[in-house]
C-alpha atoms as a PDB file:
ATOM      1  CA  UNK A   1      14.089   2.224 -11.855  1.00  0.00           C
ATOM      2  CA  UNK A   2      15.689  -1.195 -12.199  1.00  0.00           C
ATOM      3  CA  UNK A   3      15.846  -1.535  -8.418  1.00  0.00           C
ATOM      4  CA  UNK A   4      12.221  -0.541  -8.057  1.00  0.00           C
ATOM      5  CA  UNK A   5      11.102  -2.952 -10.778  1.00  0.00           C
ATOM      6  CA  UNK A   6      13.033  -5.762  -9.064  1.00  0.00           C
ATOM      7  CA  UNK A   7      11.136  -4.848  -5.901  1.00  0.00           C
ATOM      8  CA  UNK A   8       7.828  -4.942  -7.778  1.00  0.00           C
ATOM      9  CA  UNK A   9       8.611  -8.423  -9.083  1.00  0.00           C
ATOM     10  CA  UNK A  10       9.799  -9.813  -5.746  1.00  0.00           C
ATOM     11  CA  UNK A  11       7.052  -8.010  -3.832  1.00  0.00           C
ATOM     12  CA  UNK A  12       4.279  -9.415  -6.026  1.00  0.00           C
ATOM     13  CA  UNK A  13       5.487 -12.950  -5.419  1.00  0.00           C
ATOM     14  CA  UNK A  14       6.135 -12.354  -1.724  1.00  0.00           C
ATOM     15  CA  UNK A  15       2.845 -10.598  -0.975  1.00  0.00           C
ATOM     16  CA  UNK A  16       0.860 -13.176  -2.941  1.00  0.00           C
ATOM     17  CA  UNK A  17       2.477 -15.961  -0.925  1.00  0.00           C
ATOM     18  CA  UNK A  18       2.057 -14.118   2.386  1.00  0.00           C
ATOM     19  CA  UNK A  19      -1.591 -13.297   1.676  1.00  0.00           C
ATOM     20  CA  UNK A  20      -2.247 -17.016   1.345  1.00  0.00           C
ATOM     21  CA  UNK A  21      -0.162 -18.009   4.367  1.00  0.00           C
ATOM     22  CA  UNK A  22      -0.744 -15.305   7.005  1.00  0.00           C
ATOM     23  CA  UNK A  23      -3.799 -13.524   5.602  1.00  0.00           C
ATOM     24  CA  UNK A  24      -4.603 -10.243   3.929  1.00  0.00           C
ATOM     25  CA  UNK A  25      -4.651  -8.185   7.129  1.00  0.00           C
ATOM     26  CA  UNK A  26      -1.138  -9.067   8.303  1.00  0.00           C
ATOM     27  CA  UNK A  27       0.245  -8.860   4.772  1.00  0.00           C
ATOM     28  CA  UNK A  28      -1.313  -5.423   4.276  1.00  0.00           C
ATOM     29  CA  UNK A  29       0.084  -4.160   7.564  1.00  0.00           C
ATOM     30  CA  UNK A  30       3.516  -5.500   6.611  1.00  0.00           C
ATOM     31  CA  UNK A  31       3.288  -3.710   3.250  1.00  0.00           C
ATOM     32  CA  UNK A  32       2.476  -0.397   4.948  1.00  0.00           C
ATOM     33  CA  UNK A  33       5.386  -0.803   7.382  1.00  0.00           C
ATOM     34  CA  UNK A  34       7.734  -1.575   4.485  1.00  0.00           C
ATOM     35  CA  UNK A  35       6.374   1.545   2.785  1.00  0.00           C
ATOM     36  CA  UNK A  36       7.187   3.694   5.811  1.00  0.00           C
ATOM     37  CA  UNK A  37      10.684   2.194   5.977  1.00  0.00           C
ATOM     38  CA  UNK A  38      11.263   2.861   2.280  1.00  0.00           C
ATOM     39  CA  UNK A  39      10.270   6.520   2.526  1.00  0.00           C
ATOM     40  CA  UNK A  40      12.259   6.962   5.748  1.00  0.00           C
ATOM     41  CA  UNK A  41      15.337   5.584   3.967  1.00  0.00           C
ATOM     42  CA  UNK A  42      14.762   8.028   1.111  1.00  0.00           C
ATOM     43  CA  UNK A  43      14.519  10.914   3.571  1.00  0.00           C
ATOM     44  CA  UNK A  44      17.385   9.973   5.874  1.00  0.00           C
ATOM     45  CA  UNK A  45      20.035   8.581   3.536  1.00  0.00           C
ATOM     46  CA  UNK A  46      19.813  10.797   0.470  1.00  0.00           C
ATOM     47  CA  UNK A  47      23.586  10.642  -0.150  1.00  0.00           C
ATOM     48  CA  UNK A  48      23.974   6.884   0.365  1.00  0.00           C
ATOM     49  CA  UNK A  49      23.528   4.972  -2.898  1.00  0.00           C
ATOM     50  CA  UNK A  50      23.130   1.582  -1.202  1.00  0.00           C
ATOM     51  CA  UNK A  51      20.381   2.903   1.086  1.00  0.00           C
ATOM     52  CA  UNK A  52      18.621   4.502  -1.885  1.00  0.00           C
ATOM     53  CA  UNK A  53      18.686   1.237  -3.835  1.00  0.00           C
ATOM     54  CA  UNK A  54      17.278  -0.625  -0.820  1.00  0.00           C
ATOM     55  CA  UNK A  55      14.632   2.083  -0.389  1.00  0.00           C
ATOM     56  CA  UNK A  56      13.584   1.752  -4.024  1.00  0.00           C
ATOM     57  CA  UNK A  57      13.430  -2.043  -3.800  1.00  0.00           C
ATOM     58  CA  UNK A  58      11.196  -1.695  -0.733  1.00  0.00           C
ATOM     59  CA  UNK A  59       9.073   0.925  -2.494  1.00  0.00           C
ATOM     60  CA  UNK A  60       8.707  -1.525  -5.379  1.00  0.00           C
ATOM     61  CA  UNK A  61       7.361  -4.050  -2.868  1.00  0.00           C
ATOM     62  CA  UNK A  62       4.699  -1.570  -1.838  1.00  0.00           C
ATOM     63  CA  UNK A  63       3.875  -0.722  -5.445  1.00  0.00           C
ATOM     64  CA  UNK A  64       3.242  -4.399  -6.142  1.00  0.00           C
ATOM     65  CA  UNK A  65       0.885  -4.548  -3.161  1.00  0.00           C
ATOM     66  CA  UNK A  66      -1.775  -2.694  -5.125  1.00  0.00           C
ATOM     67  CA  UNK A  67      -2.129  -5.578  -7.564  1.00  0.00           C
ATOM     68  CA  UNK A  68      -1.667  -8.421  -5.105  1.00  0.00           C
ATOM     69  CA  UNK A  69      -3.066  -7.337  -1.758  1.00  0.00           C
ATOM     70  CA  UNK A  70      -6.045  -5.268  -2.960  1.00  0.00           C
ATOM     71  CA  UNK A  71      -7.939  -8.303  -4.326  1.00  0.00           C
ATOM     72  CA  UNK A  72      -7.092 -10.327  -1.206  1.00  0.00           C
ATOM     73  CA  UNK A  73      -8.278  -7.499   1.059  1.00  0.00           C
ATOM     74  CA  UNK A  74     -11.519  -7.204  -0.880  1.00  0.00           C
ATOM     75  CA  UNK A  75     -12.403 -10.857  -0.473  1.00  0.00           C
ATOM     76  CA  UNK A  76     -11.166 -10.940   3.151  1.00  0.00           C
ATOM     77  CA  UNK A  77     -13.271  -7.930   4.130  1.00  0.00           C
ATOM     78  CA  UNK A  78     -16.379  -8.410   1.994  1.00  0.00           C
ATOM     79  CA  UNK A  79     -16.487 -12.122   1.137  1.00  0.00           C
ATOM     80  CA  UNK A  80     -17.157 -13.574  -2.267  1.00  0.00           C
ATOM     81  CA  UNK A  81     -20.696 -12.304  -2.764  1.00  0.00           C
ATOM     82  CA  UNK A  82     -20.654  -9.329  -5.178  1.00  0.00           C
ATOM     83  CA  UNK A  83     -16.828  -9.493  -5.281  1.00  0.00           C
ATOM     84  CA  UNK A  84     -16.524  -8.156  -8.827  1.00  0.00           C
ATOM     85  CA  UNK A  85     -18.779  -5.170  -8.114  1.00  0.00           C
ATOM     86  CA  UNK A  86     -17.016  -4.320  -4.862  1.00  0.00           C
ATOM     87  CA  UNK A  87     -13.508  -4.769  -6.264  1.00  0.00           C
ATOM     88  CA  UNK A  88     -14.263  -2.703  -9.365  1.00  0.00           C
ATOM     89  CA  UNK A  89     -15.464   0.149  -7.135  1.00  0.00           C
ATOM     90  CA  UNK A  90     -12.332  -0.096  -4.993  1.00  0.00           C
ATOM     91  CA  UNK A  91     -10.148  -0.150  -8.112  1.00  0.00           C
ATOM     92  CA  UNK A  92     -11.869   2.976  -9.389  1.00  0.00           C
ATOM     93  CA  UNK A  93     -11.018   4.679  -6.092  1.00  0.00           C
ATOM     94  CA  UNK A  94      -7.362   3.717  -6.526  1.00  0.00           C
ATOM     95  CA  UNK A  95      -7.344   5.177 -10.031  1.00  0.00           C
ATOM     96  CA  UNK A  96      -8.919   8.444  -8.901  1.00  0.00           C
ATOM     97  CA  UNK A  97      -6.450   8.698  -6.019  1.00  0.00           C
ATOM     98  CA  UNK A  98      -3.568   8.267  -8.476  1.00  0.00           C
ATOM     99  CA  UNK A  99      -4.989  10.925 -10.757  1.00  0.00           C
ATOM    100  CA  UNK A 100      -4.983  13.358  -7.829  1.00  0.00           C
ATOM    101  CA  UNK A 101      -1.830  12.296  -5.967  1.00  0.00           C
ATOM    102  CA  UNK A 102       0.715  12.160  -8.776  1.00  0.00           C
ATOM    103  CA  UNK A 103       0.185  15.740  -9.990  1.00  0.00           C
ATOM    104  CA  UNK A 104      -0.009  16.883  -6.357  1.00  0.00           C
ATOM    105  CA  UNK A 105       3.516  15.583  -5.766  1.00  0.00           C
ATOM    106  CA  UNK A 106       4.698  17.592  -8.758  1.00  0.00           C
ATOM    107  CA  UNK A 107       2.962  20.733  -7.528  1.00  0.00           C
ATOM    108  CA  UNK A 108       4.535  20.315  -4.093  1.00  0.00           C
ATOM    109  CA  UNK A 109       7.932  20.121  -5.753  1.00  0.00           C
ATOM    110  CA  UNK A 110       7.189  23.174  -7.903  1.00  0.00           C
ATOM    111  CA  UNK A 111       6.152  25.244  -4.866  1.00  0.00           C
ATOM    112  CA  UNK A 112       8.827  24.077  -2.426  1.00  0.00           C
ATOM    113  CA  UNK A 113      11.725  22.985  -4.645  1.00  0.00           C
ATOM    114  CA  UNK A 114      11.835  19.660  -2.783  1.00  0.00           C
ATOM    115  CA  UNK A 115       9.992  16.375  -2.539  1.00  0.00           C
ATOM    116  CA  UNK A 116      10.324  16.471   1.258  1.00  0.00           C
ATOM    117  CA  UNK A 117       6.686  17.392   1.894  1.00  0.00           C
ATOM    118  CA  UNK A 118       5.415  14.848  -0.619  1.00  0.00           C
ATOM    119  CA  UNK A 119       7.452  12.110   1.063  1.00  0.00           C
ATOM    120  CA  UNK A 120       6.179  13.154   4.486  1.00  0.00           C
ATOM    121  CA  UNK A 121       2.626  13.088   3.113  1.00  0.00           C
ATOM    122  CA  UNK A 122       3.218   9.542   1.860  1.00  0.00           C
ATOM    123  CA  UNK A 123       4.394   8.445   5.324  1.00  0.00           C
ATOM    124  CA  UNK A 124       1.261  10.005   6.826  1.00  0.00           C
ATOM    125  CA  UNK A 125      -0.895   8.139   4.300  1.00  0.00           C
ATOM    126  CA  UNK A 126       0.856   4.833   5.110  1.00  0.00           C
ATOM    127  CA  UNK A 127       0.197   5.450   8.820  1.00  0.00           C
ATOM    128  CA  UNK A 128      -3.449   6.261   8.072  1.00  0.00           C
ATOM    129  CA  UNK A 129      -3.691   3.047   6.049  1.00  0.00           C
ATOM    130  CA  UNK A 130      -2.437   1.054   9.039  1.00  0.00           C
ATOM    131  CA  UNK A 131      -5.128   2.622  11.206  1.00  0.00           C
ATOM    132  CA  UNK A 132      -7.881   1.983   8.651  1.00  0.00           C
ATOM    133  CA  UNK A 133      -6.795  -1.608   7.979  1.00  0.00           C
ATOM    134  CA  UNK A 134      -7.012  -2.388  11.692  1.00  0.00           C
ATOM    135  CA  UNK A 135     -10.358  -0.601  11.929  1.00  0.00           C
ATOM    136  CA  UNK A 136     -11.761  -2.401   8.870  1.00  0.00           C
ATOM    137  CA  UNK A 137     -10.951  -5.845  10.175  1.00  0.00           C
ATOM    138  CA  UNK A 138     -12.305  -5.003  13.615  1.00  0.00           C
ATOM    139  CA  UNK A 139     -15.617  -4.052  12.035  1.00  0.00           C
ATOM    140  CA  UNK A 140     -15.526  -7.175   9.842  1.00  0.00           C
ATOM    141  CA  UNK A 141     -15.218  -9.340  12.957  1.00  0.00           C
ATOM    142  CA  UNK A 142     -18.310  -7.616  14.341  1.00  0.00           C
ATOM    143  CA  UNK A 143     -20.246  -8.394  11.147  1.00  0.00           C
ATOM    144  CA  UNK A 144     -19.167 -12.040  11.268  1.00  0.00           C
ATOM    145  CA  UNK A 145     -20.333 -12.346  14.880  1.00  0.00           C
ATOM    146  CA  UNK A 146     -23.702 -10.825  13.986  1.00  0.00           C
ATOM    147  CA  UNK A 147     -24.096 -13.212  11.018  1.00  0.00           C
ATOM    148  CA  UNK A 148     -24.071 -10.494   8.335  1.00  0.00           C
ATOM    149  CA  UNK A 149     -20.942 -11.632   6.494  1.00  0.00           C
ATOM    150  CA  UNK A 150     -20.837 -14.363   3.887  1.00  0.00           C
END
């Protein structure tokens, strides 16, 4: 847990800085790639303590992304008009997803005796996030060109 919390601390600073310097889209994509790497390390190097510590630090990075990148993504995708309303709706979605996902991981462990399927599901969700981030910004560019974005 100490390794993960160190990752959360470093990740929050890093992702905040990167969001300002390279933008929310690239920072979000980087966070998802780091997430895939962290889960892959957990799956592939289960007996290697150093790899597990690195994996947990990386997973801490991704955990911090929720608090740092989500607000940046909201303003990058939707602008500043109605920001508080849009961000509060997005935050509610994150909370509902957590309410569903965390017990689901436990149920998967109870049924299979392993977290393997939960970890694979997380990799699939990271990959889906990459796809949807790219798609979201593509559609945002279309709105900007049409003059519908503030």
